[in-house]
Protein backbone atom coordinates (compact mmCIF):
# COMPACT_ATOMS: atom_id res chain seq x y z
CA MET A 1 159.97 259.41 364.28
CA LYS A 2 158.77 255.92 364.72
CA ILE A 3 157.86 253.69 361.85
CA ALA A 4 155.81 250.32 361.35
CA LEU A 5 157.07 247.93 358.67
CA LEU A 6 154.91 245.16 357.15
CA LEU A 7 157.12 242.33 356.06
CA GLU A 8 156.89 239.17 353.92
CA TYR A 9 159.64 236.64 353.90
CA ASP A 10 160.31 233.07 352.78
CA GLY A 11 161.68 231.54 355.85
CA SER A 12 163.33 228.43 354.14
CA ASP A 13 166.75 229.88 354.49
CA PHE A 14 166.43 231.92 357.75
CA CYS A 15 167.15 230.42 361.26
CA GLY A 16 163.98 232.26 362.56
CA TRP A 17 163.34 235.97 363.36
CA GLN A 18 165.73 236.82 366.29
CA ILE A 19 169.26 237.57 365.77
CA GLN A 20 171.69 234.69 366.64
CA PRO A 21 175.39 234.37 366.34
CA GLY A 22 176.62 232.56 363.32
CA VAL A 23 173.39 232.19 361.54
CA ARG A 24 171.21 234.14 359.09
CA THR A 25 168.05 235.45 360.54
CA VAL A 26 165.23 237.85 359.48
CA GLN A 27 165.91 240.46 362.05
CA GLN A 28 169.73 240.34 361.23
CA GLU A 29 168.89 240.83 357.50
CA LEU A 30 166.56 243.69 358.04
CA GLU A 31 168.62 245.59 360.46
CA ALA A 32 171.74 245.15 358.22
CA ALA A 33 169.69 246.70 355.25
CA LEU A 34 168.50 249.63 357.41
CA GLN A 35 172.04 250.30 358.56
CA LEU A 36 173.32 250.39 354.90
CA VAL A 37 170.33 252.81 354.04
CA LEU A 38 170.49 255.23 357.09
CA GLN A 39 174.08 254.79 357.84
CA GLU A 40 173.16 254.19 361.46
CA LYS A 41 172.44 251.13 363.60
CA ILE A 42 168.67 250.65 363.80
CA ALA A 43 167.11 248.17 366.36
CA VAL A 44 163.90 246.51 364.99
CA THR A 45 161.22 245.15 367.24
CA ALA A 46 158.89 242.48 365.83
CA SER A 47 155.37 241.51 366.76
CA GLY A 48 156.77 238.10 367.70
CA ARG A 49 159.32 235.43 366.78
CA THR A 50 158.91 233.03 364.05
CA ASP A 51 160.82 229.61 364.19
CA ALA A 52 163.38 228.46 361.73
CA GLY A 53 161.85 227.70 358.27
CA VAL A 54 158.44 229.57 359.14
CA HIS A 55 157.20 231.93 356.52
CA ALA A 56 155.57 235.49 356.89
CA LEU A 57 153.07 237.42 354.55
CA GLY A 58 151.91 239.83 357.41
CA MET A 59 154.90 240.23 359.90
CA VAL A 60 154.85 243.66 361.50
CA ALA A 61 157.74 245.28 363.19
CA HIS A 62 158.47 248.91 364.43
CA ALA A 63 161.67 250.80 364.58
CA PRO A 64 162.89 254.37 365.48
CA LEU A 65 164.20 256.63 362.73
CA PRO A 66 166.96 259.19 363.58
CA GLU A 67 166.05 262.73 363.43
CA SER A 68 168.64 263.21 360.71
CA ALA A 69 166.66 260.89 358.34
CA THR A 70 164.82 262.81 355.64
CA ILE A 71 164.00 259.93 353.40
CA SER A 72 160.26 259.35 352.63
CA THR A 73 158.50 256.07 353.74
CA GLU A 74 157.91 255.16 349.96
CA ARG A 75 161.74 255.56 349.19
CA LEU A 76 162.74 253.95 352.30
CA VAL A 77 160.66 250.67 351.24
CA GLN A 78 162.65 250.68 347.86
CA ALA A 79 165.94 251.29 349.58
CA ILE A 80 165.56 248.37 351.94
CA ASN A 81 164.44 246.03 349.55
CA GLY A 82 167.38 247.00 347.20
CA ASN A 83 169.84 246.07 350.05
CA SER A 84 168.05 243.05 351.62
CA GLY A 85 168.08 239.38 350.30
CA HIS A 86 165.67 238.08 347.75
CA ASP A 87 163.54 236.25 350.42
CA LEU A 88 162.78 239.23 352.42
CA VAL A 89 160.45 242.05 351.24
CA VAL A 90 159.27 245.16 352.95
CA ARG A 91 155.78 245.43 351.70
CA SER A 92 155.00 248.81 353.25
CA ILE A 93 156.07 251.30 355.87
CA LYS A 94 153.94 253.81 357.78
CA GLU A 95 154.76 256.40 360.35
CA VAL A 96 153.07 255.67 363.70
CA SER A 97 152.63 257.38 367.07
CA ASP A 98 155.23 256.80 369.88
CA ASP A 99 152.87 254.67 371.82
CA PHE A 100 152.72 251.97 369.13
CA HIS A 101 154.48 248.65 369.80
CA ALA A 102 154.41 245.94 367.23
CA ARG A 103 153.92 243.21 369.84
CA TYR A 104 152.04 244.64 372.65
CA SER A 105 149.62 246.85 370.52
CA ALA A 106 148.53 243.78 368.47
CA LEU A 107 145.00 242.65 368.88
CA ASP A 108 145.37 239.23 367.43
CA ARG A 109 147.48 237.27 364.99
CA GLU A 110 146.51 234.87 362.36
CA TYR A 111 148.55 231.82 360.97
CA ARG A 112 147.67 229.54 358.09
CA TYR A 113 149.20 226.06 357.67
CA VAL A 114 149.02 224.30 354.04
CA ILE A 115 148.85 220.54 353.86
CA PHE A 116 149.20 219.03 350.13
CA ARG A 117 147.60 215.71 349.36
CA ARG A 118 150.03 215.06 346.49
CA ARG A 119 153.65 215.70 345.84
CA THR A 120 154.28 219.16 344.58
CA ALA A 121 157.28 220.73 343.16
CA LEU A 122 156.30 224.39 343.30
CA GLN A 123 154.79 224.37 346.70
CA ARG A 124 157.22 222.12 348.47
CA LYS A 125 158.78 224.89 350.37
CA PHE A 126 155.44 226.16 351.67
CA SER A 127 153.50 223.04 352.61
CA TRP A 128 153.53 219.62 354.26
CA TYR A 129 153.05 216.63 352.03
CA VAL A 130 150.70 214.05 353.94
CA TRP A 131 150.06 211.00 351.81
CA ASP A 132 147.51 209.27 354.27
CA ASP A 133 143.88 209.57 353.93
CA LEU A 134 142.58 211.95 356.59
CA ASN A 135 139.31 212.13 358.45
CA ILE A 136 138.67 215.79 357.92
CA GLU A 137 135.54 215.77 359.97
CA ALA A 138 137.39 214.32 362.93
CA MET A 139 139.93 217.07 362.49
CA GLU A 140 137.35 219.86 362.25
CA ARG A 141 135.60 218.45 365.49
CA SER A 142 138.86 218.50 367.41
CA ALA A 143 139.87 221.98 366.01
CA ALA A 144 136.44 223.35 367.32
CA TRP A 145 137.64 222.58 370.96
CA LEU A 146 140.28 225.08 370.49
CA ILE A 147 138.03 228.09 370.54
CA GLY A 148 138.34 229.92 373.76
CA ASP A 149 140.74 230.47 376.56
CA HIS A 150 143.08 227.41 377.01
CA ASP A 151 146.41 226.48 378.40
CA PHE A 152 148.63 225.15 375.51
CA THR A 153 151.46 223.80 377.52
CA SER A 154 150.94 220.39 375.76
CA PHE A 155 151.09 222.06 372.36
CA SER A 156 154.19 224.26 372.68
CA LYS A 157 157.82 224.24 373.28
CA ARG A 158 159.28 225.35 376.54
CA SER A 159 160.29 229.02 376.56
CA GLU A 160 162.30 230.59 379.55
CA ASP A 161 161.00 234.15 378.86
CA VAL A 162 157.25 233.41 378.87
CA GLU A 163 155.23 233.52 382.14
CA HIS A 164 152.36 231.25 380.98
CA TYR A 165 151.16 229.26 377.93
CA ARG A 166 147.50 230.49 377.79
CA SER A 167 146.06 231.89 374.70
CA ILE A 168 142.48 232.97 373.68
CA VAL A 169 141.54 231.47 370.16
CA ASP A 170 138.61 233.10 368.42
CA ARG A 171 138.95 231.41 364.93
CA CYS A 172 140.14 227.86 363.99
CA THR A 173 138.93 226.32 360.65
CA PHE A 174 139.89 223.79 357.98
CA SER A 175 139.25 224.38 354.37
CA ALA A 176 139.90 221.55 351.66
CA ASP A 177 139.70 221.58 347.85
CA GLY A 178 140.85 218.05 347.16
CA GLU A 179 144.48 218.73 346.70
CA GLN A 180 145.24 220.76 349.69
CA ILE A 181 144.02 221.54 353.13
CA ILE A 182 144.45 224.89 354.74
CA PHE A 183 144.24 225.19 358.44
CA THR A 184 143.55 228.89 359.80
CA ILE A 185 143.90 229.89 363.40
CA ARG A 186 143.73 233.22 365.03
CA ALA A 187 144.43 234.23 368.70
CA ASN A 188 145.48 236.96 370.91
CA ARG A 189 148.92 235.36 371.36
CA PHE A 190 150.88 232.25 370.34
CA VAL A 191 153.48 230.49 372.29
CA ARG A 192 156.55 228.89 370.77
CA GLY A 193 155.74 225.94 368.50
CA MET A 194 152.08 226.24 369.25
CA VAL A 195 150.63 225.98 365.64
CA ARG A 196 153.00 223.34 364.51
CA SER A 197 152.12 221.40 367.59
CA LEU A 198 148.43 221.70 367.00
CA ILE A 199 148.46 220.86 363.35
CA GLY A 200 150.67 217.85 364.03
CA ALA A 201 148.26 216.44 366.60
CA LEU A 202 145.30 217.21 364.50
CA VAL A 203 146.81 215.36 361.47
CA GLU A 204 147.28 212.38 363.91
CA VAL A 205 143.53 212.77 364.61
CA GLY A 206 142.87 212.70 361.01
CA ARG A 207 145.19 209.58 360.53
CA GLY A 208 143.21 207.79 363.38
CA LYS A 209 146.44 207.35 365.42
CA LEU A 210 145.24 209.99 368.07
CA HIS A 211 141.64 209.66 369.38
CA GLU A 212 139.65 212.89 369.64
CA GLU A 213 139.39 212.34 373.23
CA GLU A 214 143.06 212.09 373.65
CA PHE A 215 143.46 215.44 371.85
CA SER A 216 140.78 216.94 374.06
CA SER A 217 142.62 215.58 377.15
CA LEU A 218 145.96 217.20 375.99
CA LEU A 219 144.04 220.65 375.89
CA ASP A 220 142.07 220.18 379.05
CA THR A 221 144.86 218.67 381.38
CA PRO A 222 148.11 220.03 379.83
CA THR A 223 151.29 218.28 381.01
CA GLU A 224 155.05 218.65 380.59
CA LEU A 225 155.13 215.05 379.67
CA HIS A 226 153.39 215.61 376.35
CA ARG A 227 154.87 218.93 375.47
CA ALA A 228 155.19 219.41 371.64
CA LYS A 229 154.86 215.60 371.13
CA TYR A 230 153.26 216.14 367.67
CA LEU A 231 155.31 218.70 365.60
CA ALA A 232 154.44 219.28 362.05
CA PRO A 233 157.26 220.61 359.65
CA ALA A 234 158.02 224.29 359.74
CA GLU A 235 157.62 224.84 355.93
CA GLY A 236 153.87 224.62 356.03
CA LEU A 237 153.41 227.46 358.23
CA THR A 238 152.84 231.19 357.53
CA LEU A 239 152.29 234.20 359.64
CA TRP A 240 149.34 235.43 357.65
CA LYS A 241 148.39 238.84 359.27
CA ILE A 242 148.36 240.78 362.49
CA ARG A 243 145.46 243.10 363.46
CA TYR A 244 145.94 246.38 365.44
CA PRO A 245 143.41 249.03 366.91
CA GLU A 246 142.13 251.37 364.18
CA LYS A 247 143.77 254.41 365.91
CA PHE A 248 147.18 253.35 364.56
CA GLY A 249 145.85 253.49 360.91
CA LEU A 250 147.69 250.41 359.81
CA TRP A 251 146.97 247.79 357.19
CA ASP A 252 143.68 245.97 356.90
């Protein structure tokens, strides 16, 4: 049997998703909890890898369950949460067909980035405090250029295991309520560091330190020279949700 897991985590004390020697990661914590519950080592595959310090409300992963496992999905949720750290929660588990893959079956992914305009104690781990006056209209105009199919080399970190840096963005918006600004972006795929690089550059546009035409040039003529030149802090970024074809019967 194969299961899909809907995960929420506070990335503050994790060194990203992927297992790495000598550090605490989300995958490591989840697989350790599964092994305690099922008394068997289970490999978990995620929809993607979040960087150190990045949070998730709707990360999706899949894993095989041994034939000997008789535990219900509801009980499995409770058991994993009882054996994982306080900053990792399994929100739901559903049985899926064998052709489901958390990464390759995904239609799109949505990230949100929060900027606070004042110092905040309660939200300091989940936002970026920017004290400068920002030209939101200029940021919105630049963000509108992101819609469509683009090469995001200039807005990414180098990764040896990716063939290209193209993504198709179909949603990119800012919403502001005076105290905070929320940047939302949805695309078919994200390359490493992409959202943090984009928001870092957009804030520079808002500050007036990066002209809108320069932002457009980074997008239209990507170069290695400017790769991830502007990188916002990880703590403001959350993987919000992932959408899959309806045939899998997963979460809205």
